Amino acid sequence: MNFSPGLSTSTAISLVLFASFLWNTWAISLKYLNNYPIDGLYITMFITSFLFVWGVGFLLDGPALIGNIKEIYAVDPSRIVVTIFCGIGYIIGMRLSLHVMNIIGLSLTQPIASSINIFIGTSTAALIGGVPVGFSIPKIAIACICLFFAVGLSVLTGRLRSGAQALGQVISTLQYSVNDVWKSTGLVILSSFFIQAYTIGISYGLRSVTQESGLAVMPFMAMLVTGAFIGAMAGSGSILTIKKQWRIAVNAPFSIHKFGIMSGLFHYGGNILHTYGTAFLSSAISWPLGISGGFWTQFWGLAYGEYKGSPPKVYLTLVLAFIFYLLGAILVASMIF
C-alpha cells in the first residue's frame, strides 16, 4: 500500500509553505559557482534528485511504488506519459530561469516570474485538476489585477536600478543594463510557460481530493523526476558537450559539487512535501501557496546585496511589487478557508 498520511488542513498548508522555502533557497547556489558552468550544477542536481526520489519512494512505499505505476499504466497510460513529459518540460523552464537569475539577480527575477506563474499556474491547475468547494472567480479576477501591477513594478524596479548603476550609485557586483531587463523579462515569461508543465503534471498525473484518477504521491514523484532527469541530461548534457565543458563539470572539487547535491535535495525534498500537500488541498490551492514562498528568493537577493547602494525609490518599487504579488497569492489561497 502506498504511503498516504492523514493530514489536517493546517498541516497540509504547512507542508506546502515549507516546500516553498526549500524551493526558493537552493538557487543561492548560483552565488558560489564563480566560473563553474550552470549546466554542470544542473547535471549534479538532477542525478541527486533522481536517486533521492526513487530511494525515498522505495523506503516509504516498498513494492507498492512499482505496483501503483503498473496499475495506473494498465488503466490509463496517459497519466504516466504526461507526467514524464511534464518533468522534461518544466526542467527547460527552470534552466531558462537560472540563466535570467545570473543576469539580473534573484530579487528582480522572483517577482516577475512569480506573478506570471501564480496566474497561469492557478488557472491551469483549476482547469485540469479541478477546483475545491469555495473557489471564487471574483477573487481570481482581483488577484490577476494585483499580479498585473506586480509585473509592471518589477520591470520599473530594474529600470530604476540600471539608471542608478549608470550614475555609479549601485555598488553591487551584479551589473545589468535596461536592455538586459527587457530581454530577461521576455525570457522569464518564456520560462514561466515551460514551468507550467509542472502544474499540468501534478494536476493531471496525481491522485488528489479533486482528481480521482492518477498516481499516488511517490509513484507520481518517481515519474516526474524521471522526466526531469531525462530533460536535464539531454539539455544540459548537450550544452556541456557543445561547449566542451564536461571535463570542468566532472573534475570540479566537492566544494563545488556540494551545491548541486544540496540543490537536488532541496528541490525534490520540496517537491515531495508539496505533492503530499497537493493530494489533500488540490493543485488549484497548493500551487499559489507554494509560489508565495518567492518571498525567500527576494529575501536572499537582498541579503546578498544585489541592490546595495541603490536609491530609496528602487527599494520602494521592489517592495510594492512584492506586496502586489503577495496580495494576489493570498487572495487565491484564502479560498480554502
C-alpha atoms as a PDB file:
ATOM      1  CA  MET A   1       0.000   0.000   0.000  1.00  0.00           C
ATOM      2  CA  ASN A   2       1.261   3.470  -0.881  1.00  0.00           C
ATOM      3  CA  PHE A   3       2.160   5.774   1.986  1.00  0.00           C
ATOM      4  CA  SER A   4      -0.645   8.309   2.491  1.00  0.00           C
ATOM      5  CA  PRO A   5      -0.584  10.210   5.800  1.00  0.00           C
ATOM      6  CA  GLY A   6      -3.821  11.638   7.139  1.00  0.00           C
ATOM      7  CA  LEU A   7      -3.302  15.400   7.031  1.00  0.00           C
ATOM      8  CA  SER A   8      -5.246  18.227   8.592  1.00  0.00           C
ATOM      9  CA  THR A   9      -5.752  21.401   6.571  1.00  0.00           C
ATOM     10  CA  SER A  10      -3.216  23.312   8.673  1.00  0.00           C
ATOM     11  CA  THR A  11      -0.630  20.520   8.331  1.00  0.00           C
ATOM     12  CA  ALA A  12      -1.089  20.355   4.564  1.00  0.00           C
ATOM     13  CA  ILE A  13      -0.669  24.125   4.294  1.00  0.00           C
ATOM     14  CA  SER A  14       2.450  23.963   6.491  1.00  0.00           C
ATOM     15  CA  LEU A  15       3.966  21.289   4.219  1.00  0.00           C
ATOM     16  CA  VAL A  16       3.351  23.413   1.130  1.00  0.00           C
ATOM     17  CA  LEU A  17       4.787  26.555   2.743  1.00  0.00           C
ATOM     18  CA  PHE A  18       7.891  24.709   3.946  1.00  0.00           C
ATOM     19  CA  ALA A  19       8.261  23.237   0.455  1.00  0.00           C
ATOM     20  CA  SER A  20       8.213  26.758  -0.957  1.00  0.00           C
ATOM     21  CA  PHE A  21      11.019  27.714   1.432  1.00  0.00           C
ATOM     22  CA  LEU A  22      13.121  24.804   0.142  1.00  0.00           C
ATOM     23  CA  TRP A  23      12.329  25.690  -3.492  1.00  0.00           C
ATOM     24  CA  ASN A  24      13.388  29.280  -3.041  1.00  0.00           C
ATOM     25  CA  THR A  25      16.548  28.610  -1.051  1.00  0.00           C
ATOM     26  CA  TRP A  26      18.620  26.336  -3.276  1.00  0.00           C
ATOM     27  CA  ALA A  27      19.019  28.990  -6.002  1.00  0.00           C
ATOM     28  CA  ILE A  28      21.539  30.809  -3.787  1.00  0.00           C
ATOM     29  CA  SER A  29      23.971  28.129  -5.013  1.00  0.00           C
ATOM     30  CA  LEU A  30      24.414  30.401  -8.045  1.00  0.00           C
ATOM     31  CA  LYS A  31      26.233  32.876  -5.801  1.00  0.00           C
ATOM     32  CA  TYR A  32      29.042  30.388  -5.163  1.00  0.00           C
ATOM     33  CA  LEU A  33      29.720  28.861  -8.584  1.00  0.00           C
ATOM     34  CA  ASN A  34      32.149  31.521  -9.816  1.00  0.00           C
ATOM     35  CA  ASN A  35      33.108  30.358 -13.346  1.00  0.00           C
ATOM     36  CA  TYR A  36      31.701  26.847 -12.945  1.00  0.00           C
ATOM     37  CA  PRO A  37      29.072  26.178 -15.673  1.00  0.00           C
ATOM     38  CA  ILE A  38      25.426  26.231 -14.564  1.00  0.00           C
ATOM     39  CA  ASP A  39      24.813  23.104 -16.626  1.00  0.00           C
ATOM     40  CA  GLY A  40      27.333  21.246 -14.504  1.00  0.00           C
ATOM     41  CA  LEU A  41      25.294  22.236 -11.443  1.00  0.00           C
ATOM     42  CA  TYR A  42      22.155  21.091 -13.259  1.00  0.00           C
ATOM     43  CA  ILE A  43      23.564  17.638 -14.041  1.00  0.00           C
ATOM     44  CA  THR A  44      24.657  17.069 -10.432  1.00  0.00           C
ATOM     45  CA  MET A  45      21.354  18.438  -9.172  1.00  0.00           C
ATOM     46  CA  PHE A  46      19.178  16.055 -11.151  1.00  0.00           C
ATOM     47  CA  ILE A  47      21.338  12.983 -10.658  1.00  0.00           C
ATOM     48  CA  THR A  48      20.935  13.683  -6.944  1.00  0.00           C
ATOM     49  CA  SER A  49      17.192  14.300  -7.356  1.00  0.00           C
ATOM     50  CA  PHE A  50      16.682  11.070  -9.307  1.00  0.00           C
ATOM     51  CA  LEU A  51      18.465   8.909  -6.731  1.00  0.00           C
ATOM     52  CA  PHE A  52      16.822  10.738  -3.817  1.00  0.00           C
ATOM     53  CA  VAL A  53      13.224  10.422  -5.038  1.00  0.00           C
ATOM     54  CA  TRP A  54      13.460   6.765  -6.054  1.00  0.00           C
ATOM     55  CA  GLY A  55      15.215   5.974  -2.764  1.00  0.00           C
ATOM     56  CA  VAL A  56      12.561   7.731  -0.671  1.00  0.00           C
ATOM     57  CA  GLY A  57       9.853   6.124  -2.820  1.00  0.00           C
ATOM     58  CA  PHE A  58      11.025   2.583  -2.114  1.00  0.00           C
ATOM     59  CA  LEU A  59      11.583   3.455   1.552  1.00  0.00           C
ATOM     60  CA  LEU A  60       8.016   4.750   2.032  1.00  0.00           C
ATOM     61  CA  ASP A  61       6.054   2.561  -0.401  1.00  0.00           C
ATOM     62  CA  GLY A  62       8.160  -0.550  -0.890  1.00  0.00           C
ATOM     63  CA  PRO A  63       6.862  -2.778  -3.723  1.00  0.00           C
ATOM     64  CA  ALA A  64       3.728  -0.600  -3.948  1.00  0.00           C
ATOM     65  CA  LEU A  65       5.834   2.083  -5.653  1.00  0.00           C
ATOM     66  CA  ILE A  66       6.171  -0.001  -8.830  1.00  0.00           C
ATOM     67  CA  GLY A  67       2.801  -1.661  -8.242  1.00  0.00           C
ATOM     68  CA  ASN A  68       0.892   1.623  -8.399  1.00  0.00           C
ATOM     69  CA  ILE A  69       2.736   2.691 -11.557  1.00  0.00           C
ATOM     70  CA  LYS A  70       1.847  -0.626 -13.255  1.00  0.00           C
ATOM     71  CA  GLU A  71      -1.757  -0.395 -12.084  1.00  0.00           C
ATOM     72  CA  ILE A  72      -2.307   3.122 -13.426  1.00  0.00           C
ATOM     73  CA  TYR A  73      -0.456   2.393 -16.664  1.00  0.00           C
ATOM     74  CA  ALA A  74      -2.749  -0.591 -17.330  1.00  0.00           C
ATOM     75  CA  VAL A  75      -5.866   1.546 -16.861  1.00  0.00           C
ATOM     76  CA  ASP A  76      -4.776   4.950 -18.206  1.00  0.00           C
ATOM     77  CA  PRO A  77      -1.197   5.136 -19.545  1.00  0.00           C
ATOM     78  CA  SER A  78      -1.584   8.853 -20.319  1.00  0.00           C
ATOM     79  CA  ARG A  79      -1.229   9.605 -16.599  1.00  0.00           C
ATOM     80  CA  ILE A  80       2.283   8.147 -16.750  1.00  0.00           C
ATOM     81  CA  VAL A  81       3.323   9.517 -20.135  1.00  0.00           C
ATOM     82  CA  VAL A  82       2.065  13.065 -19.481  1.00  0.00           C
ATOM     83  CA  THR A  83       3.809  13.182 -16.102  1.00  0.00           C
ATOM     84  CA  ILE A  84       7.161  12.143 -17.603  1.00  0.00           C
ATOM     85  CA  PHE A  85       6.911  14.697 -20.417  1.00  0.00           C
ATOM     86  CA  CYS A  86       5.862  17.373 -17.932  1.00  0.00           C
ATOM     87  CA  GLY A  87       9.031  16.571 -15.975  1.00  0.00           C
ATOM     88  CA  ILE A  88      11.038  17.234 -19.136  1.00  0.00           C
ATOM     89  CA  GLY A  89       9.110  20.426 -19.914  1.00  0.00           C
ATOM     90  CA  TYR A  90       9.390  22.186 -16.588  1.00  0.00           C
ATOM     91  CA  ILE A  91      13.134  21.464 -16.478  1.00  0.00           C
ATOM     92  CA  ILE A  92      13.555  23.596 -19.611  1.00  0.00           C
ATOM     93  CA  GLY A  93      11.716  26.437 -17.877  1.00  0.00           C
ATOM     94  CA  MET A  94      13.863  26.147 -14.752  1.00  0.00           C
ATOM     95  CA  ARG A  95      17.071  26.229 -16.794  1.00  0.00           C
ATOM     96  CA  LEU A  96      15.953  29.437 -18.538  1.00  0.00           C
ATOM     97  CA  SER A  97      15.057  30.907 -15.151  1.00  0.00           C
ATOM     98  CA  LEU A  98      18.530  30.176 -13.763  1.00  0.00           C
ATOM     99  CA  HIS A  99      20.047  31.923 -16.784  1.00  0.00           C
ATOM    100  CA  VAL A 100      17.963  35.011 -16.030  1.00  0.00           C
ATOM    101  CA  MET A 101      18.931  34.939 -12.341  1.00  0.00           C
ATOM    102  CA  ASN A 102      22.567  35.031 -13.372  1.00  0.00           C
ATOM    103  CA  ILE A 103      21.896  38.207 -15.393  1.00  0.00           C
ATOM    104  CA  ILE A 104      19.514  40.307 -13.282  1.00  0.00           C
ATOM    105  CA  GLY A 105      19.716  38.516  -9.934  1.00  0.00           C
ATOM    106  CA  LEU A 106      17.276  36.801  -7.589  1.00  0.00           C
ATOM    107  CA  SER A 107      15.480  39.908  -6.325  1.00  0.00           C
ATOM    108  CA  LEU A 108      14.235  41.073  -9.715  1.00  0.00           C
ATOM    109  CA  THR A 109      13.623  37.664 -11.306  1.00  0.00           C
ATOM    110  CA  GLN A 110      11.425  36.443  -8.450  1.00  0.00           C
ATOM    111  CA  PRO A 111       8.506  38.906  -8.519  1.00  0.00           C
ATOM    112  CA  ILE A 112       8.256  38.836 -12.330  1.00  0.00           C
ATOM    113  CA  ALA A 113       8.280  35.038 -12.515  1.00  0.00           C
ATOM    114  CA  SER A 114       6.033  34.508  -9.510  1.00  0.00           C
ATOM    115  CA  SER A 115       3.404  36.970 -10.684  1.00  0.00           C
ATOM    116  CA  ILE A 116       3.138  35.196 -14.030  1.00  0.00           C
ATOM    117  CA  ASN A 117       3.285  31.717 -12.517  1.00  0.00           C
ATOM    118  CA  ILE A 118       0.531  32.363  -9.985  1.00  0.00           C
ATOM    119  CA  PHE A 119      -1.930  33.490 -12.647  1.00  0.00           C
ATOM    120  CA  ILE A 120      -1.141  30.945 -15.357  1.00  0.00           C
ATOM    121  CA  GLY A 121      -0.418  28.091 -12.943  1.00  0.00           C
ATOM    122  CA  THR A 122      -3.556  28.529 -10.870  1.00  0.00           C
ATOM    123  CA  SER A 123      -5.717  28.749 -13.990  1.00  0.00           C
ATOM    124  CA  THR A 124      -4.093  25.608 -15.407  1.00  0.00           C
ATOM    125  CA  ALA A 125      -4.474  23.734 -12.120  1.00  0.00           C
ATOM    126  CA  ALA A 126      -8.141  24.691 -11.838  1.00  0.00           C
ATOM    127  CA  LEU A 127      -8.960  23.659 -15.420  1.00  0.00           C
ATOM    128  CA  ILE A 128      -7.107  20.333 -15.372  1.00  0.00           C
ATOM    129  CA  GLY A 129      -7.113  19.225 -11.757  1.00  0.00           C
ATOM    130  CA  GLY A 130     -10.485  20.578 -10.711  1.00  0.00           C
ATOM    131  CA  VAL A 131     -11.357  23.072  -8.005  1.00  0.00           C
ATOM    132  CA  PRO A 132     -12.389  22.613  -4.379  1.00  0.00           C
ATOM    133  CA  VAL A 133     -15.623  23.973  -2.966  1.00  0.00           C
ATOM    134  CA  GLY A 134     -15.419  27.738  -2.432  1.00  0.00           C
ATOM    135  CA  PHE A 135     -13.156  28.513  -5.387  1.00  0.00           C
ATOM    136  CA  SER A 136     -14.086  32.137  -6.197  1.00  0.00           C
ATOM    137  CA  ILE A 137     -13.918  33.613  -9.722  1.00  0.00           C
ATOM    138  CA  PRO A 138     -14.155  37.249  -8.441  1.00  0.00           C
ATOM    139  CA  LYS A 139     -11.154  36.673  -6.163  1.00  0.00           C
ATOM    140  CA  ILE A 140      -9.206  35.275  -9.101  1.00  0.00           C
ATOM    141  CA  ALA A 141     -10.045  38.403 -11.145  1.00  0.00           C
ATOM    142  CA  ILE A 142      -8.857  40.722  -8.362  1.00  0.00           C
ATOM    143  CA  ALA A 143      -5.740  38.597  -7.925  1.00  0.00           C
ATOM    144  CA  CYS A 144      -4.950  38.995 -11.639  1.00  0.00           C
ATOM    145  CA  ILE A 145      -5.132  42.769 -11.315  1.00  0.00           C
ATOM    146  CA  CYS A 146      -2.706  42.652  -8.391  1.00  0.00           C
ATOM    147  CA  LEU A 147      -0.332  40.479 -10.387  1.00  0.00           C
ATOM    148  CA  PHE A 148      -0.501  42.819 -13.384  1.00  0.00           C
ATOM    149  CA  PHE A 149       0.714  45.674 -11.162  1.00  0.00           C
ATOM    150  CA  ALA A 150       3.386  43.434  -9.661  1.00  0.00           C
ATOM    151  CA  VAL A 151       4.917  42.681 -13.069  1.00  0.00           C
ATOM    152  CA  GLY A 152       4.882  46.365 -14.075  1.00  0.00           C
ATOM    153  CA  LEU A 153       6.524  47.467 -10.828  1.00  0.00           C
ATOM    154  CA  SER A 154       9.161  44.719 -11.121  1.00  0.00           C
ATOM    155  CA  VAL A 155      10.208  45.930 -14.554  1.00  0.00           C
ATOM    156  CA  LEU A 156      10.236  49.529 -13.276  1.00  0.00           C
ATOM    157  CA  THR A 157      12.499  48.428 -10.419  1.00  0.00           C
ATOM    158  CA  GLY A 158      15.002  47.037 -12.897  1.00  0.00           C
ATOM    159  CA  ARG A 159      14.955  50.220 -14.969  1.00  0.00           C
ATOM    160  CA  LEU A 160      15.481  52.436 -11.918  1.00  0.00           C
ATOM    161  CA  ARG A 161      18.304  50.239 -10.659  1.00  0.00           C
ATOM    162  CA  SER A 162      20.109  50.207 -14.021  1.00  0.00           C
ATOM    163  CA  GLY A 163      19.756  54.008 -14.146  1.00  0.00           C
ATOM    164  CA  ALA A 164      21.273  54.307 -10.660  1.00  0.00           C
ATOM    165  CA  GLN A 165      24.010  51.898 -11.762  1.00  0.00           C
ATOM    166  CA  ALA A 166      24.872  54.178 -14.702  1.00  0.00           C
ATOM    167  CA  LEU A 167      25.263  57.068 -12.244  1.00  0.00           C
ATOM    168  CA  GLY A 168      27.615  54.972 -10.109  1.00  0.00           C
ATOM    169  CA  GLN A 169      25.176  54.704  -7.203  1.00  0.00           C
ATOM    170  CA  VAL A 170      24.813  50.906  -7.218  1.00  0.00           C
ATOM    171  CA  ILE A 171      27.891  49.208  -5.767  1.00  0.00           C
ATOM    172  CA  SER A 172      26.732  45.613  -6.124  1.00  0.00           C
ATOM    173  CA  THR A 173      28.936  43.241  -8.132  1.00  0.00           C
ATOM    174  CA  LEU A 174      25.779  42.353 -10.108  1.00  0.00           C
ATOM    175  CA  GLN A 175      25.620  44.749 -13.060  1.00  0.00           C
ATOM    176  CA  TYR A 176      22.994  44.876 -15.832  1.00  0.00           C
ATOM    177  CA  SER A 177      21.515  47.370 -18.286  1.00  0.00           C
ATOM    178  CA  VAL A 178      17.951  48.433 -19.110  1.00  0.00           C
ATOM    179  CA  ASN A 179      18.239  46.284 -22.249  1.00  0.00           C
ATOM    180  CA  ASP A 180      19.142  43.311 -20.051  1.00  0.00           C
ATOM    181  CA  VAL A 181      15.984  43.909 -18.015  1.00  0.00           C
ATOM    182  CA  TRP A 182      13.722  43.854 -21.086  1.00  0.00           C
ATOM    183  CA  LYS A 183      15.410  40.783 -22.583  1.00  0.00           C
ATOM    184  CA  SER A 184      15.310  38.993 -19.242  1.00  0.00           C
ATOM    185  CA  THR A 185      11.625  39.820 -18.782  1.00  0.00           C
ATOM    186  CA  GLY A 186      10.922  38.102 -22.107  1.00  0.00           C
ATOM    187  CA  LEU A 187      12.931  35.050 -21.030  1.00  0.00           C
ATOM    188  CA  VAL A 188      11.138  34.939 -17.674  1.00  0.00           C
ATOM    189  CA  ILE A 189       7.786  34.925 -19.476  1.00  0.00           C
ATOM    190  CA  LEU A 190       9.002  32.129 -21.770  1.00  0.00           C
ATOM    191  CA  SER A 191      10.396  30.104 -18.860  1.00  0.00           C
ATOM    192  CA  SER A 192       7.134  30.566 -16.955  1.00  0.00           C
ATOM    193  CA  PHE A 193       5.198  28.879 -19.760  1.00  0.00           C
ATOM    194  CA  PHE A 194       7.557  25.906 -19.686  1.00  0.00           C
ATOM    195  CA  ILE A 195       7.354  25.723 -15.878  1.00  0.00           C
ATOM    196  CA  GLN A 196       3.591  25.301 -16.220  1.00  0.00           C
ATOM    197  CA  ALA A 197       4.400  21.741 -17.263  1.00  0.00           C
ATOM    198  CA  TYR A 198       4.889  21.064 -13.538  1.00  0.00           C
ATOM    199  CA  THR A 199       1.375  22.352 -12.835  1.00  0.00           C
ATOM    200  CA  ILE A 200      -0.072  20.280 -15.665  1.00  0.00           C
ATOM    201  CA  GLY A 201       1.734  17.190 -14.450  1.00  0.00           C
ATOM    202  CA  ILE A 202       0.654  17.486 -10.820  1.00  0.00           C
ATOM    203  CA  SER A 203      -2.925  18.400 -11.808  1.00  0.00           C
ATOM    204  CA  TYR A 204      -3.310  15.507 -14.266  1.00  0.00           C
ATOM    205  CA  GLY A 205      -0.959  12.806 -13.040  1.00  0.00           C
ATOM    206  CA  LEU A 206      -1.523  12.954  -9.260  1.00  0.00           C
ATOM    207  CA  ARG A 207      -4.498  11.483  -7.460  1.00  0.00           C
ATOM    208  CA  SER A 208      -5.881  14.217  -5.188  1.00  0.00           C
ATOM    209  CA  VAL A 209      -9.012  15.425  -3.448  1.00  0.00           C
ATOM    210  CA  THR A 210     -10.287  16.883  -6.738  1.00  0.00           C
ATOM    211  CA  GLN A 211      -8.721  14.328  -9.110  1.00  0.00           C
ATOM    212  CA  GLU A 212      -9.913  10.767  -8.539  1.00  0.00           C
ATOM    213  CA  SER A 213      -7.710   9.253 -11.242  1.00  0.00           C
ATOM    214  CA  GLY A 214      -3.963   9.372 -11.101  1.00  0.00           C
ATOM    215  CA  LEU A 215      -0.877   8.118  -9.313  1.00  0.00           C
ATOM    216  CA  ALA A 216      -0.224   8.029  -5.581  1.00  0.00           C
ATOM    217  CA  VAL A 217       2.262  10.617  -4.310  1.00  0.00           C
ATOM    218  CA  MET A 218       5.610   8.794  -4.504  1.00  0.00           C
ATOM    219  CA  PRO A 219       4.877   6.938  -7.775  1.00  0.00           C
ATOM    220  CA  PHE A 220       3.921  10.320  -9.250  1.00  0.00           C
ATOM    221  CA  MET A 221       7.157  11.867  -7.951  1.00  0.00           C
ATOM    222  CA  ALA A 222       9.168   8.965  -9.375  1.00  0.00           C
ATOM    223  CA  MET A 223       7.706   9.523 -12.840  1.00  0.00           C
ATOM    224  CA  LEU A 224       8.157  13.304 -12.630  1.00  0.00           C
ATOM    225  CA  VAL A 225      11.801  13.081 -11.531  1.00  0.00           C
ATOM    226  CA  THR A 226      12.470  10.525 -14.277  1.00  0.00           C
ATOM    227  CA  GLY A 227      11.279  13.065 -16.837  1.00  0.00           C
ATOM    228  CA  ALA A 228      13.293  15.800 -15.138  1.00  0.00           C
ATOM    229  CA  PHE A 229      16.416  13.631 -15.201  1.00  0.00           C
ATOM    230  CA  ILE A 230      15.954  12.894 -18.921  1.00  0.00           C
ATOM    231  CA  GLY A 231      15.398  16.594 -19.657  1.00  0.00           C
ATOM    232  CA  ALA A 232      18.428  17.724 -17.660  1.00  0.00           C
ATOM    233  CA  MET A 233      20.755  15.135 -19.194  1.00  0.00           C
ATOM    234  CA  ALA A 234      19.548  15.865 -22.726  1.00  0.00           C
ATOM    235  CA  GLY A 235      19.520  19.656 -22.373  1.00  0.00           C
ATOM    236  CA  SER A 236      22.426  20.490 -20.096  1.00  0.00           C
ATOM    237  CA  GLY A 237      24.367  17.445 -21.286  1.00  0.00           C
ATOM    238  CA  SER A 238      24.164  18.727 -24.861  1.00  0.00           C
ATOM    239  CA  ILE A 239      25.275  22.215 -23.820  1.00  0.00           C
ATOM    240  CA  LEU A 240      28.260  20.823 -21.918  1.00  0.00           C
ATOM    241  CA  THR A 241      29.162  18.747 -24.983  1.00  0.00           C
ATOM    242  CA  ILE A 242      28.882  21.669 -27.400  1.00  0.00           C
ATOM    243  CA  LYS A 243      30.927  23.946 -25.122  1.00  0.00           C
ATOM    244  CA  LYS A 244      33.367  21.123 -24.344  1.00  0.00           C
ATOM    245  CA  GLN A 245      32.871  21.633 -20.604  1.00  0.00           C
ATOM    246  CA  TRP A 246      32.272  18.066 -19.452  1.00  0.00           C
ATOM    247  CA  ARG A 247      35.807  17.842 -18.038  1.00  0.00           C
ATOM    248  CA  ILE A 248      35.243  21.002 -15.992  1.00  0.00           C
ATOM    249  CA  ALA A 249      31.884  19.716 -14.754  1.00  0.00           C
ATOM    250  CA  VAL A 250      33.122  16.261 -13.764  1.00  0.00           C
ATOM    251  CA  ASN A 251      36.506  17.212 -12.308  1.00  0.00           C
ATOM    252  CA  ALA A 252      35.241  20.048 -10.110  1.00  0.00           C
ATOM    253  CA  PRO A 253      36.050  19.643  -6.395  1.00  0.00           C
ATOM    254  CA  PHE A 254      33.422  18.595  -3.868  1.00  0.00           C
ATOM    255  CA  SER A 255      33.324  22.211  -2.669  1.00  0.00           C
ATOM    256  CA  ILE A 256      31.504  22.915  -5.976  1.00  0.00           C
ATOM    257  CA  HIS A 257      29.597  19.631  -6.383  1.00  0.00           C
ATOM    258  CA  LYS A 258      28.076  20.041  -2.913  1.00  0.00           C
ATOM    259  CA  PHE A 259      25.948  22.906  -4.242  1.00  0.00           C
ATOM    260  CA  GLY A 260      24.448  20.662  -6.923  1.00  0.00           C
ATOM    261  CA  ILE A 261      23.784  17.942  -4.342  1.00  0.00           C
ATOM    262  CA  MET A 262      22.213  20.434  -1.933  1.00  0.00           C
ATOM    263  CA  SER A 263      20.108  21.906  -4.735  1.00  0.00           C
ATOM    264  CA  GLY A 264      18.805  18.474  -5.727  1.00  0.00           C
ATOM    265  CA  LEU A 265      17.856  17.563  -2.152  1.00  0.00           C
ATOM    266  CA  PHE A 266      16.181  20.922  -1.508  1.00  0.00           C
ATOM    267  CA  HIS A 267      14.393  20.983  -4.861  1.00  0.00           C
ATOM    268  CA  TYR A 268      12.890  17.498  -4.755  1.00  0.00           C
ATOM    269  CA  GLY A 269      12.576  17.448  -0.990  1.00  0.00           C
ATOM    270  CA  GLY A 270      10.323  20.454  -1.526  1.00  0.00           C
ATOM    271  CA  ASN A 271       8.542  18.724  -4.400  1.00  0.00           C
ATOM    272  CA  ILE A 272       7.721  15.682  -2.253  1.00  0.00           C
ATOM    273  CA  LEU A 273       6.302  17.811   0.580  1.00  0.00           C
ATOM    274  CA  HIS A 274       4.376  19.976  -1.881  1.00  0.00           C
ATOM    275  CA  THR A 275       2.882  16.921  -3.574  1.00  0.00           C
ATOM    276  CA  TYR A 276       1.667  15.395  -0.293  1.00  0.00           C
ATOM    277  CA  GLY A 277       0.049  18.742   0.477  1.00  0.00           C
ATOM    278  CA  THR A 278      -1.462  18.899  -3.012  1.00  0.00           C
ATOM    279  CA  ALA A 279      -3.069  15.479  -2.648  1.00  0.00           C
ATOM    280  CA  PHE A 280      -5.010  16.902   0.298  1.00  0.00           C
ATOM    281  CA  LEU A 281      -5.607  20.517  -0.827  1.00  0.00           C
ATOM    282  CA  SER A 282      -5.812  20.220  -4.677  1.00  0.00           C
ATOM    283  CA  SER A 283      -3.309  21.764  -7.091  1.00  0.00           C
ATOM    284  CA  ALA A 284      -5.510  24.866  -7.538  1.00  0.00           C
ATOM    285  CA  ILE A 285      -4.762  25.774  -3.924  1.00  0.00           C
ATOM    286  CA  SER A 286      -1.285  24.319  -3.365  1.00  0.00           C
ATOM    287  CA  TRP A 287       0.242  25.962  -6.448  1.00  0.00           C
ATOM    288  CA  PRO A 288      -0.319  29.620  -5.451  1.00  0.00           C
ATOM    289  CA  LEU A 289       0.528  28.774  -1.840  1.00  0.00           C
ATOM    290  CA  GLY A 290       3.836  27.311  -2.995  1.00  0.00           C
ATOM    291  CA  ILE A 291       4.651  30.221  -5.282  1.00  0.00           C
ATOM    292  CA  SER A 292       4.000  32.661  -2.428  1.00  0.00           C
ATOM    293  CA  GLY A 293       7.268  31.417  -0.934  1.00  0.00           C
ATOM    294  CA  GLY A 294       9.036  33.501  -3.587  1.00  0.00           C
ATOM    295  CA  PHE A 295       9.469  35.869  -0.660  1.00  0.00           C
ATOM    296  CA  TRP A 296      12.551  33.815   0.197  1.00  0.00           C
ATOM    297  CA  THR A 297      14.128  34.311  -3.231  1.00  0.00           C
ATOM    298  CA  GLN A 298      13.653  38.050  -2.888  1.00  0.00           C
ATOM    299  CA  PHE A 299      14.983  37.947   0.662  1.00  0.00           C
ATOM    300  CA  TRP A 300      18.134  36.080  -0.391  1.00  0.00           C
ATOM    301  CA  GLY A 301      18.692  38.502  -3.272  1.00  0.00           C
ATOM    302  CA  LEU A 302      18.549  41.439  -0.895  1.00  0.00           C
ATOM    303  CA  ALA A 303      20.670  39.606   1.677  1.00  0.00           C
ATOM    304  CA  TYR A 304      23.377  39.060  -0.935  1.00  0.00           C
ATOM    305  CA  GLY A 305      23.488  42.777  -1.757  1.00  0.00           C
ATOM    306  CA  GLU A 306      22.037  42.783  -5.266  1.00  0.00           C
ATOM    307  CA  TYR A 307      20.636  46.288  -4.648  1.00  0.00           C
ATOM    308  CA  LYS A 308      23.404  47.595  -2.410  1.00  0.00           C
ATOM    309  CA  GLY A 309      23.748  51.363  -2.765  1.00  0.00           C
ATOM    310  CA  SER A 310      20.506  51.815  -4.741  1.00  0.00           C
ATOM    311  CA  PRO A 311      18.432  54.957  -4.021  1.00  0.00           C
ATOM    312  CA  PRO A 312      15.291  54.598  -1.842  1.00  0.00           C
ATOM    313  CA  LYS A 313      12.924  54.704  -4.840  1.00  0.00           C
ATOM    314  CA  VAL A 314      14.411  51.422  -6.112  1.00  0.00           C
ATOM    315  CA  TYR A 315      13.684  49.667  -2.823  1.00  0.00           C
ATOM    316  CA  LEU A 316      10.225  51.251  -2.707  1.00  0.00           C
ATOM    317  CA  THR A 317       9.175  49.900  -6.119  1.00  0.00           C
ATOM    318  CA  LEU A 318      10.661  46.487  -5.281  1.00  0.00           C
ATOM    319  CA  VAL A 319       8.669  46.314  -2.035  1.00  0.00           C
ATOM    320  CA  LEU A 320       5.481  47.482  -3.791  1.00  0.00           C
ATOM    321  CA  ALA A 321       5.943  44.815  -6.472  1.00  0.00           C
ATOM    322  CA  PHE A 322       6.293  42.143  -3.811  1.00  0.00           C
ATOM    323  CA  ILE A 323       3.233  43.438  -1.916  1.00  0.00           C
ATOM    324  CA  PHE A 324       1.050  43.231  -5.028  1.00  0.00           C
ATOM    325  CA  TYR A 325       2.418  39.791  -5.873  1.00  0.00           C
ATOM    326  CA  LEU A 326       1.780  38.606  -2.317  1.00  0.00           C
ATOM    327  CA  LEU A 327      -1.759  40.021  -2.329  1.00  0.00           C
ATOM    328  CA  GLY A 328      -2.503  38.015  -5.461  1.00  0.00           C
ATOM    329  CA  ALA A 329      -1.242  34.832  -3.818  1.00  0.00           C
ATOM    330  CA  ILE A 330      -3.179  35.479  -0.604  1.00  0.00           C
ATOM    331  CA  LEU A 331      -6.424  36.105  -2.485  1.00  0.00           C
ATOM    332  CA  VAL A 332      -6.132  32.732  -4.214  1.00  0.00           C
ATOM    333  CA  ALA A 333      -5.022  30.870  -1.107  1.00  0.00           C
ATOM    334  CA  SER A 334      -7.765  32.430   1.035  1.00  0.00           C
ATOM    335  CA  MET A 335     -10.344  30.448  -0.944  1.00  0.00           C
ATOM    336  CA  ILE A 336      -9.512  27.403   1.142  1.00  0.00           C
ATOM    337  CA  PHE A 337     -10.989  28.979   4.262  1.00  0.00           C
END
